[in-house]
Amino acid sequence: MSLEVWEPRARWRTPGRILNISRSGALVSAGAKLPKRESLWLRLDHPEQTPWLAARVVRIDRNGAFGIEFLDSASELYEAATHGIRFGNVLGSIQDSDD
């Protein structure tokens, strides 16, 4: 997973890993310290690359994992993370089979 952080003076990326996910947020580990309450964007790179999703850090647990709140619909990210699929691929295969 990639995380892109937008701070007032800088924009940077770091790798991350989803530890737990729901449709409204996730618990992630990151390659760098994420600033609490700053805007960030995240997406999965594997098994399917998903579109960037707006989010923010709402908590940091004692093990250094970050609680992320999704600010937009996370359906594609959630499905890709839990089932390894992307909606575009599923819809494309349904539309292709109608021909």
PDB file of N, CA and C in Angstrom:
ATOM      1  N   MET A   1       0.851  -1.157   0.000  1.00  0.00           N
ATOM      2  CA  MET A   1       0.000   0.000   0.000  1.00  0.00           C
ATOM      3  C   MET A   1       0.902   1.225   0.000  1.00  0.00           C
ATOM      4  N   SER A   2       0.454   2.272  -0.676  1.00  0.00           N
ATOM      5  CA  SER A   2       1.161   3.547  -0.660  1.00  0.00           C
ATOM      6  C   SER A   2       0.343   4.565   0.114  1.00  0.00           C
ATOM      7  N   LEU A   3       1.017   5.379   0.891  1.00  0.00           N
ATOM      8  CA  LEU A   3       0.390   6.484   1.611  1.00  0.00           C
ATOM      9  C   LEU A   3       1.040   7.766   1.132  1.00  0.00           C
ATOM     10  N   GLU A   4       0.243   8.734   0.773  1.00  0.00           N
ATOM     11  CA  GLU A   4       0.763  10.043   0.400  1.00  0.00           C
ATOM     12  C   GLU A   4       0.236  11.058   1.399  1.00  0.00           C
ATOM     13  N   VAL A   5       1.138  11.758   2.050  1.00  0.00           N
ATOM     14  CA  VAL A   5       0.779  12.708   3.102  1.00  0.00           C
ATOM     15  C   VAL A   5       0.913  14.123   2.554  1.00  0.00           C
ATOM     16  N   TRP A   6      -0.112  14.930   2.808  1.00  0.00           N
ATOM     17  CA  TRP A   6      -0.104  16.328   2.387  1.00  0.00           C
ATOM     18  C   TRP A   6      -0.041  17.191   3.631  1.00  0.00           C
ATOM     19  N   GLU A   7       1.105  17.753   3.894  1.00  0.00           N
ATOM     20  CA  GLU A   7       1.285  18.672   5.003  1.00  0.00           C
ATOM     21  C   GLU A   7       1.312  20.088   4.431  1.00  0.00           C
ATOM     22  N   PRO A   8       1.151  21.110   5.272  1.00  0.00           N
ATOM     23  CA  PRO A   8       1.139  22.477   4.756  1.00  0.00           C
ATOM     24  C   PRO A   8       2.375  22.835   3.927  1.00  0.00           C
ATOM     25  N   ARG A   9       3.532  22.302   4.295  1.00  0.00           N
ATOM     26  CA  ARG A   9       4.764  22.678   3.579  1.00  0.00           C
ATOM     27  C   ARG A   9       5.378  21.568   2.741  1.00  0.00           C
ATOM     28  N   ALA A  10       4.802  20.397   2.788  1.00  0.00           N
ATOM     29  CA  ALA A  10       5.424  19.280   2.071  1.00  0.00           C
ATOM     30  C   ALA A  10       4.407  18.221   1.694  1.00  0.00           C
ATOM     31  N   ARG A  11       4.752  17.466   0.692  1.00  0.00           N
ATOM     32  CA  ARG A  11       3.959  16.323   0.263  1.00  0.00           C
ATOM     33  C   ARG A  11       4.945  15.174   0.075  1.00  0.00           C
ATOM     34  N   TRP A  12       4.675  14.026   0.696  1.00  0.00           N
ATOM     35  CA  TRP A  12       5.600  12.909   0.606  1.00  0.00           C
ATOM     36  C   TRP A  12       4.873  11.574   0.645  1.00  0.00           C
ATOM     37  N   ARG A  13       5.550  10.532   0.194  1.00  0.00           N
ATOM     38  CA  ARG A  13       4.980   9.180   0.173  1.00  0.00           C
ATOM     39  C   ARG A  13       5.782   8.242   1.041  1.00  0.00           C
ATOM     40  N   THR A  14       5.093   7.231   1.552  1.00  0.00           N
ATOM     41  CA  THR A  14       5.737   6.178   2.332  1.00  0.00           C
ATOM     42  C   THR A  14       4.979   4.874   2.090  1.00  0.00           C
ATOM     43  N   PRO A  15       5.660   3.745   2.133  1.00  0.00           N
ATOM     44  CA  PRO A  15       4.933   2.472   2.040  1.00  0.00           C
ATOM     45  C   PRO A  15       4.171   2.207   3.330  1.00  0.00           C
ATOM     46  N   GLY A  16       3.129   1.414   3.229  1.00  0.00           N
ATOM     47  CA  GLY A  16       2.338   1.064   4.395  1.00  0.00           C
ATOM     48  C   GLY A  16       1.770  -0.333   4.262  1.00  0.00           C
ATOM     49  N   ARG A  17       1.172  -0.811   5.328  1.00  0.00           N
ATOM     50  CA  ARG A  17       0.547  -2.134   5.330  1.00  0.00           C
ATOM     51  C   ARG A  17      -0.742  -2.072   6.124  1.00  0.00           C
ATOM     52  N   ILE A  18      -1.804  -2.619   5.577  1.00  0.00           N
ATOM     53  CA  ILE A  18      -3.087  -2.662   6.284  1.00  0.00           C
ATOM     54  C   ILE A  18      -3.050  -3.787   7.302  1.00  0.00           C
ATOM     55  N   LEU A  19      -3.331  -3.448   8.549  1.00  0.00           N
ATOM     56  CA  LEU A  19      -3.395  -4.445   9.617  1.00  0.00           C
ATOM     57  C   LEU A  19      -4.829  -4.895   9.864  1.00  0.00           C
ATOM     58  N   ASN A  20      -5.778  -3.972   9.652  1.00  0.00           N
ATOM     59  CA  ASN A  20      -7.195  -4.225   9.880  1.00  0.00           C
ATOM     60  C   ASN A  20      -7.950  -3.194   9.052  1.00  0.00           C
ATOM     61  N   ILE A  21      -9.085  -3.576   8.467  1.00  0.00           N
ATOM     62  CA  ILE A  21      -9.820  -2.630   7.624  1.00  0.00           C
ATOM     63  C   ILE A  21     -11.319  -2.811   7.790  1.00  0.00           C
ATOM     64  N   SER A  22     -12.043  -1.704   7.694  1.00  0.00           N
ATOM     65  CA  SER A  22     -13.503  -1.709   7.638  1.00  0.00           C
ATOM     66  C   SER A  22     -13.879  -0.752   6.509  1.00  0.00           C
ATOM     67  N   ARG A  23     -15.150  -0.561   6.292  1.00  0.00           N
ATOM     68  CA  ARG A  23     -15.571   0.357   5.226  1.00  0.00           C
ATOM     69  C   ARG A  23     -15.380   1.829   5.611  1.00  0.00           C
ATOM     70  N   SER A  24     -15.158   2.105   6.902  1.00  0.00           N
ATOM     71  CA  SER A  24     -15.006   3.500   7.329  1.00  0.00           C
ATOM     72  C   SER A  24     -13.571   3.873   7.713  1.00  0.00           C
ATOM     73  N   GLY A  25     -12.695   2.887   7.844  1.00  0.00           N
ATOM     74  CA  GLY A  25     -11.332   3.198   8.212  1.00  0.00           C
ATOM     75  C   GLY A  25     -10.455   1.963   8.274  1.00  0.00           C
ATOM     76  N   ALA A  26      -9.205   2.177   8.677  1.00  0.00           N
ATOM     77  CA  ALA A  26      -8.249   1.073   8.733  1.00  0.00           C
ATOM     78  C   ALA A  26      -7.212   1.341   9.805  1.00  0.00           C
ATOM     79  N   LEU A  27      -6.582   0.281  10.245  1.00  0.00           N
ATOM     80  CA  LEU A  27      -5.416   0.370  11.096  1.00  0.00           C
ATOM     81  C   LEU A  27      -4.238  -0.009  10.212  1.00  0.00           C
ATOM     82  N   VAL A  28      -3.255   0.864  10.105  1.00  0.00           N
ATOM     83  CA  VAL A  28      -2.132   0.622   9.198  1.00  0.00           C
ATOM     84  C   VAL A  28      -0.801   0.818   9.908  1.00  0.00           C
ATOM     85  N   SER A  29       0.208   0.122   9.396  1.00  0.00           N
ATOM     86  CA  SER A  29       1.582   0.416   9.794  1.00  0.00           C
ATOM     87  C   SER A  29       2.184   1.169   8.607  1.00  0.00           C
ATOM     88  N   ALA A  30       3.117   2.038   8.892  1.00  0.00           N
ATOM     89  CA  ALA A  30       3.703   2.855   7.836  1.00  0.00           C
ATOM     90  C   ALA A  30       5.212   2.901   7.984  1.00  0.00           C
ATOM     91  N   GLY A  31       5.892   3.186   6.867  1.00  0.00           N
ATOM     92  CA  GLY A  31       7.340   3.272   6.856  1.00  0.00           C
ATOM     93  C   GLY A  31       7.863   4.551   7.484  1.00  0.00           C
ATOM     94  N   ALA A  32       6.969   5.475   7.813  1.00  0.00           N
ATOM     95  CA  ALA A  32       7.348   6.749   8.436  1.00  0.00           C
ATOM     96  C   ALA A  32       6.247   7.158   9.402  1.00  0.00           C
ATOM     97  N   LYS A  33       6.578   8.081  10.299  1.00  0.00           N
ATOM     98  CA  LYS A  33       5.581   8.581  11.236  1.00  0.00           C
ATOM     99  C   LYS A  33       4.581   9.460  10.483  1.00  0.00           C
ATOM    100  N   LEU A  34       3.305   9.156  10.655  1.00  0.00           N
ATOM    101  CA  LEU A  34       2.251   9.937  10.005  1.00  0.00           C
ATOM    102  C   LEU A  34       1.746  11.005  10.963  1.00  0.00           C
ATOM    103  N   PRO A  35       1.593  12.229  10.485  1.00  0.00           N
ATOM    104  CA  PRO A  35       1.110  13.296  11.369  1.00  0.00           C
ATOM    105  C   PRO A  35      -0.379  13.148  11.653  1.00  0.00           C
ATOM    106  N   LYS A  36      -0.761  13.241  12.909  1.00  0.00           N
ATOM    107  CA  LYS A  36      -2.167  13.119  13.293  1.00  0.00           C
ATOM    108  C   LYS A  36      -2.965  14.299  12.753  1.00  0.00           C
ATOM    109  N   ARG A  37      -4.136  14.006  12.234  1.00  0.00           N
ATOM    110  CA  ARG A  37      -5.105  14.972  11.703  1.00  0.00           C
ATOM    111  C   ARG A  37      -4.721  15.592  10.357  1.00  0.00           C
ATOM    112  N   GLU A  38      -3.564  15.258   9.804  1.00  0.00           N
ATOM    113  CA  GLU A  38      -3.211  15.788   8.485  1.00  0.00           C
ATOM    114  C   GLU A  38      -3.942  14.992   7.412  1.00  0.00           C
ATOM    115  N   SER A  39      -4.192  15.645   6.296  1.00  0.00           N
ATOM    116  CA  SER A  39      -4.795  14.955   5.151  1.00  0.00           C
ATOM    117  C   SER A  39      -3.774  13.995   4.564  1.00  0.00           C
ATOM    118  N   LEU A  40      -4.263  12.863   4.152  1.00  0.00           N
ATOM    119  CA  LEU A  40      -3.407  11.950   3.423  1.00  0.00           C
ATOM    120  C   LEU A  40      -4.232  11.200   2.400  1.00  0.00           C
ATOM    121  N   TRP A  41      -3.551  10.621   1.457  1.00  0.00           N
ATOM    122  CA  TRP A  41      -4.179   9.833   0.408  1.00  0.00           C
ATOM    123  C   TRP A  41      -3.567   8.445   0.486  1.00  0.00           C
ATOM    124  N   LEU A  42      -4.380   7.426   0.267  1.00  0.00           N
ATOM    125  CA  LEU A  42      -3.826   6.085   0.264  1.00  0.00           C
ATOM    126  C   LEU A  42      -4.437   5.270  -0.854  1.00  0.00           C
ATOM    127  N   ARG A  43      -3.674   4.266  -1.264  1.00  0.00           N
ATOM    128  CA  ARG A  43      -4.174   3.321  -2.265  1.00  0.00           C
ATOM    129  C   ARG A  43      -3.422   2.018  -2.116  1.00  0.00           C
ATOM    130  N   LEU A  44      -4.039   0.964  -2.584  1.00  0.00           N
ATOM    131  CA  LEU A  44      -3.363  -0.327  -2.640  1.00  0.00           C
ATOM    132  C   LEU A  44      -2.565  -0.386  -3.930  1.00  0.00           C
ATOM    133  N   ASP A  45      -1.410  -0.998  -3.861  1.00  0.00           N
ATOM    134  CA  ASP A  45      -0.614  -1.232  -5.059  1.00  0.00           C
ATOM    135  C   ASP A  45      -0.767  -2.677  -5.533  1.00  0.00           C
ATOM    136  N   HIS A  46      -1.038  -3.592  -4.564  1.00  0.00           N
ATOM    137  CA  HIS A  46      -1.185  -5.017  -4.872  1.00  0.00           C
ATOM    138  C   HIS A  46      -2.279  -5.590  -3.994  1.00  0.00           C
ATOM    139  N   PRO A  47      -3.051  -6.565  -4.350  1.00  0.00           N
ATOM    140  CA  PRO A  47      -3.003  -7.309  -5.598  1.00  0.00           C
ATOM    141  C   PRO A  47      -3.549  -6.522  -6.786  1.00  0.00           C
ATOM    142  N   GLU A  48      -4.359  -5.520  -6.525  1.00  0.00           N
ATOM    143  CA  GLU A  48      -4.875  -4.628  -7.568  1.00  0.00           C
ATOM    144  C   GLU A  48      -4.590  -3.197  -7.155  1.00  0.00           C
ATOM    145  N   GLN A  49      -4.176  -2.374  -8.098  1.00  0.00           N
ATOM    146  CA  GLN A  49      -3.987  -0.961  -7.769  1.00  0.00           C
ATOM    147  C   GLN A  49      -5.348  -0.276  -7.750  1.00  0.00           C
ATOM    148  N   THR A  50      -5.612   0.434  -6.659  1.00  0.00           N
ATOM    149  CA  THR A  50      -6.889   1.133  -6.500  1.00  0.00           C
ATOM    150  C   THR A  50      -6.674   2.628  -6.683  1.00  0.00           C
ATOM    151  N   PRO A  51      -7.744   3.375  -6.921  1.00  0.00           N
ATOM    152  CA  PRO A  51      -7.609   4.836  -6.987  1.00  0.00           C
ATOM    153  C   PRO A  51      -7.199   5.393  -5.617  1.00  0.00           C
ATOM    154  N   TRP A  52      -6.614   6.578  -5.613  1.00  0.00           N
ATOM    155  CA  TRP A  52      -6.254   7.245  -4.363  1.00  0.00           C
ATOM    156  C   TRP A  52      -7.520   7.557  -3.572  1.00  0.00           C
ATOM    157  N   LEU A  53      -7.457   7.414  -2.264  1.00  0.00           N
ATOM    158  CA  LEU A  53      -8.590   7.631  -1.370  1.00  0.00           C
ATOM    159  C   LEU A  53      -8.194   8.633  -0.289  1.00  0.00           C
ATOM    160  N   ALA A  54      -9.006   9.669  -0.106  1.00  0.00           N
ATOM    161  CA  ALA A  54      -8.737  10.680   0.924  1.00  0.00           C
ATOM    162  C   ALA A  54      -8.983  10.094   2.308  1.00  0.00           C
ATOM    163  N   ALA A  55      -8.095  10.427   3.246  1.00  0.00           N
ATOM    164  CA  ALA A  55      -8.193   9.911   4.609  1.00  0.00           C
ATOM    165  C   ALA A  55      -7.454  10.851   5.558  1.00  0.00           C
ATOM    166  N   ARG A  56      -7.525  10.516   6.854  1.00  0.00           N
ATOM    167  CA  ARG A  56      -6.740  11.248   7.845  1.00  0.00           C
ATOM    168  C   ARG A  56      -6.443  10.326   9.020  1.00  0.00           C
ATOM    169  N   VAL A  57      -5.360  10.609   9.700  1.00  0.00           N
ATOM    170  CA  VAL A  57      -4.968   9.843  10.884  1.00  0.00           C
ATOM    171  C   VAL A  57      -5.783  10.356  12.062  1.00  0.00           C
ATOM    172  N   VAL A  58      -6.478   9.450  12.748  1.00  0.00           N
ATOM    173  CA  VAL A  58      -7.288   9.856  13.900  1.00  0.00           C
ATOM    174  C   VAL A  58      -6.724   9.360  15.229  1.00  0.00           C
ATOM    175  N   ARG A  59      -5.824   8.368  15.174  1.00  0.00           N
ATOM    176  CA  ARG A  59      -5.203   7.907  16.412  1.00  0.00           C
ATOM    177  C   ARG A  59      -3.920   7.154  16.092  1.00  0.00           C
ATOM    178  N   ILE A  60      -3.090   7.045  17.097  1.00  0.00           N
ATOM    179  CA  ILE A  60      -1.854   6.268  17.009  1.00  0.00           C
ATOM    180  C   ILE A  60      -1.855   5.338  18.212  1.00  0.00           C
ATOM    181  N   ASP A  61      -1.761   4.032  17.964  1.00  0.00           N
ATOM    182  CA  ASP A  61      -1.826   3.114  19.102  1.00  0.00           C
ATOM    183  C   ASP A  61      -0.447   2.921  19.737  1.00  0.00           C
ATOM    184  N   ARG A  62      -0.403   2.212  20.840  1.00  0.00           N
ATOM    185  CA  ARG A  62       0.853   2.069  21.600  1.00  0.00           C
ATOM    186  C   ARG A  62       1.928   1.295  20.846  1.00  0.00           C
ATOM    187  N   ASN A  63       1.535   0.542  19.816  1.00  0.00           N
ATOM    188  CA  ASN A  63       2.501  -0.201  19.007  1.00  0.00           C
ATOM    189  C   ASN A  63       2.985   0.599  17.798  1.00  0.00           C
ATOM    190  N   GLY A  64       2.492   1.830  17.668  1.00  0.00           N
ATOM    191  CA  GLY A  64       2.917   2.676  16.559  1.00  0.00           C
ATOM    192  C   GLY A  64       2.071   2.540  15.305  1.00  0.00           C
ATOM    193  N   ALA A  65       0.976   1.782  15.363  1.00  0.00           N
ATOM    194  CA  ALA A  65       0.077   1.670  14.214  1.00  0.00           C
ATOM    195  C   ALA A  65      -0.839   2.894  14.188  1.00  0.00           C
ATOM    196  N   PHE A  66      -1.296   3.235  13.006  1.00  0.00           N
ATOM    197  CA  PHE A  66      -2.090   4.444  12.802  1.00  0.00           C
ATOM    198  C   PHE A  66      -3.539   4.091  12.482  1.00  0.00           C
ATOM    199  N   GLY A  67      -4.468   4.697  13.205  1.00  0.00           N
ATOM    200  CA  GLY A  67      -5.892   4.568  12.914  1.00  0.00           C
ATOM    201  C   GLY A  67      -6.242   5.603  11.855  1.00  0.00           C
ATOM    202  N   ILE A  68      -6.727   5.142  10.717  1.00  0.00           N
ATOM    203  CA  ILE A  68      -7.037   5.997   9.579  1.00  0.00           C
ATOM    204  C   ILE A  68      -8.551   6.057   9.387  1.00  0.00           C
ATOM    205  N   GLU A  69      -9.091   7.249   9.226  1.00  0.00           N
ATOM    206  CA  GLU A  69     -10.503   7.431   8.896  1.00  0.00           C
ATOM    207  C   GLU A  69     -10.594   7.783   7.418  1.00  0.00           C
ATOM    208  N   PHE A  70     -11.413   7.032   6.668  1.00  0.00           N
ATOM    209  CA  PHE A  70     -11.617   7.340   5.254  1.00  0.00           C
ATOM    210  C   PHE A  70     -12.562   8.528   5.136  1.00  0.00           C
ATOM    211  N   LEU A  71     -12.245   9.458   4.250  1.00  0.00           N
ATOM    212  CA  LEU A  71     -13.081  10.640   4.065  1.00  0.00           C
ATOM    213  C   LEU A  71     -13.990  10.526   2.851  1.00  0.00           C
ATOM    214  N   ASP A  72     -13.781   9.513   2.045  1.00  0.00           N
ATOM    215  CA  ASP A  72     -14.616   9.224   0.876  1.00  0.00           C
ATOM    216  C   ASP A  72     -15.035   7.759   0.950  1.00  0.00           C
ATOM    217  N   SER A  73     -15.860   7.336   0.013  1.00  0.00           N
ATOM    218  CA  SER A  73     -16.263   5.934  -0.046  1.00  0.00           C
ATOM    219  C   SER A  73     -15.035   5.062  -0.277  1.00  0.00           C
ATOM    220  N   ALA A  74     -14.904   4.029   0.518  1.00  0.00           N
ATOM    221  CA  ALA A  74     -13.740   3.144   0.435  1.00  0.00           C
ATOM    222  C   ALA A  74     -14.093   1.792  -0.172  1.00  0.00           C
ATOM    223  N   SER A  75     -15.180   1.710  -0.918  1.00  0.00           N
ATOM    224  CA  SER A  75     -15.634   0.420  -1.443  1.00  0.00           C
ATOM    225  C   SER A  75     -14.564  -0.304  -2.249  1.00  0.00           C
ATOM    226  N   GLU A  76     -13.919   0.399  -3.183  1.00  0.00           N
ATOM    227  CA  GLU A  76     -12.908  -0.260  -4.018  1.00  0.00           C
ATOM    228  C   GLU A  76     -11.716  -0.713  -3.195  1.00  0.00           C
ATOM    229  N   LEU A  77     -11.248   0.142  -2.316  1.00  0.00           N
ATOM    230  CA  LEU A  77     -10.112  -0.205  -1.476  1.00  0.00           C
ATOM    231  C   LEU A  77     -10.465  -1.387  -0.570  1.00  0.00           C
ATOM    232  N   TYR A  78     -11.642  -1.353   0.027  1.00  0.00           N
ATOM    233  CA  TYR A  78     -12.085  -2.423   0.917  1.00  0.00           C
ATOM    234  C   TYR A  78     -12.163  -3.762   0.175  1.00  0.00           C
ATOM    235  N   GLU A  79     -12.789  -3.768  -0.989  1.00  0.00           N
ATOM    236  CA  GLU A  79     -12.929  -5.012  -1.765  1.00  0.00           C
ATOM    237  C   GLU A  79     -11.575  -5.530  -2.228  1.00  0.00           C
ATOM    238  N   ALA A  80     -10.709  -4.631  -2.666  1.00  0.00           N
ATOM    239  CA  ALA A  80      -9.380  -5.057  -3.110  1.00  0.00           C
ATOM    240  C   ALA A  80      -8.579  -5.616  -1.938  1.00  0.00           C
ATOM    241  N   ALA A  81      -8.680  -4.980  -0.774  1.00  0.00           N
ATOM    242  CA  ALA A  81      -7.921  -5.431   0.401  1.00  0.00           C
ATOM    243  C   ALA A  81      -8.447  -6.751   0.951  1.00  0.00           C
ATOM    244  N   THR A  82      -9.763  -6.946   0.932  1.00  0.00           N
ATOM    245  CA  THR A  82     -10.331  -8.146   1.552  1.00  0.00           C
ATOM    246  C   THR A  82     -10.518  -9.310   0.582  1.00  0.00           C
ATOM    247  N   HIS A  83     -10.715  -8.992  -0.718  1.00  0.00           N
ATOM    248  CA  HIS A  83     -10.984 -10.057  -1.695  1.00  0.00           C
ATOM    249  C   HIS A  83     -10.012 -10.077  -2.865  1.00  0.00           C
ATOM    250  N   GLY A  84      -9.121  -9.096  -2.929  1.00  0.00           N
ATOM    251  CA  GLY A  84      -8.149  -9.061  -4.024  1.00  0.00           C
ATOM    252  C   GLY A  84      -8.749  -8.690  -5.364  1.00  0.00           C
ATOM    253  N   ILE A  85      -9.919  -8.009  -5.342  1.00  0.00           N
ATOM    254  CA  ILE A  85     -10.545  -7.615  -6.600  1.00  0.00           C
ATOM    255  C   ILE A  85     -10.794  -6.113  -6.609  1.00  0.00           C
ATOM    256  N   ARG A  86     -11.024  -5.609  -7.794  1.00  0.00           N
ATOM    257  CA  ARG A  86     -11.352  -4.202  -7.967  1.00  0.00           C
ATOM    258  C   ARG A  86     -12.664  -4.123  -8.722  1.00  0.00           C
ATOM    259  N   PHE A  87     -13.563  -3.220  -8.306  1.00  0.00           N
ATOM    260  CA  PHE A  87     -14.885  -3.117  -8.932  1.00  0.00           C
ATOM    261  C   PHE A  87     -14.796  -2.974 -10.442  1.00  0.00           C
ATOM    262  N   GLY A  88     -13.868  -2.173 -10.930  1.00  0.00           N
ATOM    263  CA  GLY A  88     -13.722  -1.979 -12.369  1.00  0.00           C
ATOM    264  C   GLY A  88     -13.511  -3.292 -13.096  1.00  0.00           C
ATOM    265  N   ASN A  89     -12.736  -4.200 -12.495  1.00  0.00           N
ATOM    266  CA  ASN A  89     -12.485  -5.499 -13.112  1.00  0.00           C
ATOM    267  C   ASN A  89     -13.743  -6.358 -13.115  1.00  0.00           C
ATOM    268  N   VAL A  90     -14.488  -6.328 -12.025  1.00  0.00           N
ATOM    269  CA  VAL A  90     -15.717  -7.117 -11.939  1.00  0.00           C
ATOM    270  C   VAL A  90     -16.751  -6.584 -12.922  1.00  0.00           C
ATOM    271  N   LEU A  91     -16.965  -5.287 -12.930  1.00  0.00           N
ATOM    272  CA  LEU A  91     -17.952  -4.698 -13.836  1.00  0.00           C
ATOM    273  C   LEU A  91     -17.545  -4.894 -15.279  1.00  0.00           C
ATOM    274  N   GLY A  92     -16.272  -4.792 -15.563  1.00  0.00           N
ATOM    275  CA  GLY A  92     -15.797  -5.017 -16.933  1.00  0.00           C
ATOM    276  C   GLY A  92     -16.090  -6.429 -17.389  1.00  0.00           C
ATOM    277  N   SER A  93     -15.893  -7.426 -16.530  1.00  0.00           N
ATOM    278  CA  SER A  93     -16.146  -8.810 -16.920  1.00  0.00           C
ATOM    279  C   SER A  93     -17.641  -9.063 -17.098  1.00  0.00           C
ATOM    280  N   ILE A  94     -18.489  -8.402 -16.302  1.00  0.00           N
ATOM    281  CA  ILE A  94     -19.937  -8.557 -16.472  1.00  0.00           C
ATOM    282  C   ILE A  94     -20.365  -7.922 -17.790  1.00  0.00           C
ATOM    283  N   GLN A  95     -19.876  -6.719 -18.067  1.00  0.00           N
ATOM    284  CA  GLN A  95     -20.232  -6.047 -19.316  1.00  0.00           C
ATOM    285  C   GLN A  95     -19.708  -6.814 -20.516  1.00  0.00           C
ATOM    286  N   ASP A  96     -18.500  -7.368 -20.434  1.00  0.00           N
ATOM    287  CA  ASP A  96     -17.941  -8.123 -21.551  1.00  0.00           C
ATOM    288  C   ASP A  96     -18.735  -9.387 -21.833  1.00  0.00           C
ATOM    289  N   SER A  97     -19.290 -10.016 -20.818  1.00  0.00           N
ATOM    290  CA  SER A  97     -20.010 -11.279 -21.007  1.00  0.00           C
ATOM    291  C   SER A  97     -21.367 -11.068 -21.678  1.00  0.00           C
ATOM    292  N   ASP A  98     -21.884  -9.821 -21.684  1.00  0.00           N
ATOM    293  CA  ASP A  98     -23.168  -9.557 -22.320  1.00  0.00           C
ATOM    294  C   ASP A  98     -23.069  -9.510 -23.839  1.00  0.00           C
ATOM    295  N   ASP A  99     -21.866  -9.347 -24.365  1.00  0.00           N
ATOM    296  CA  ASP A  99     -21.717  -9.212 -25.828  1.00  0.00           C
ATOM    297  C   ASP A  99     -21.875 -10.511 -26.556  1.00  0.00           C
TER     298      ASP A  99
END
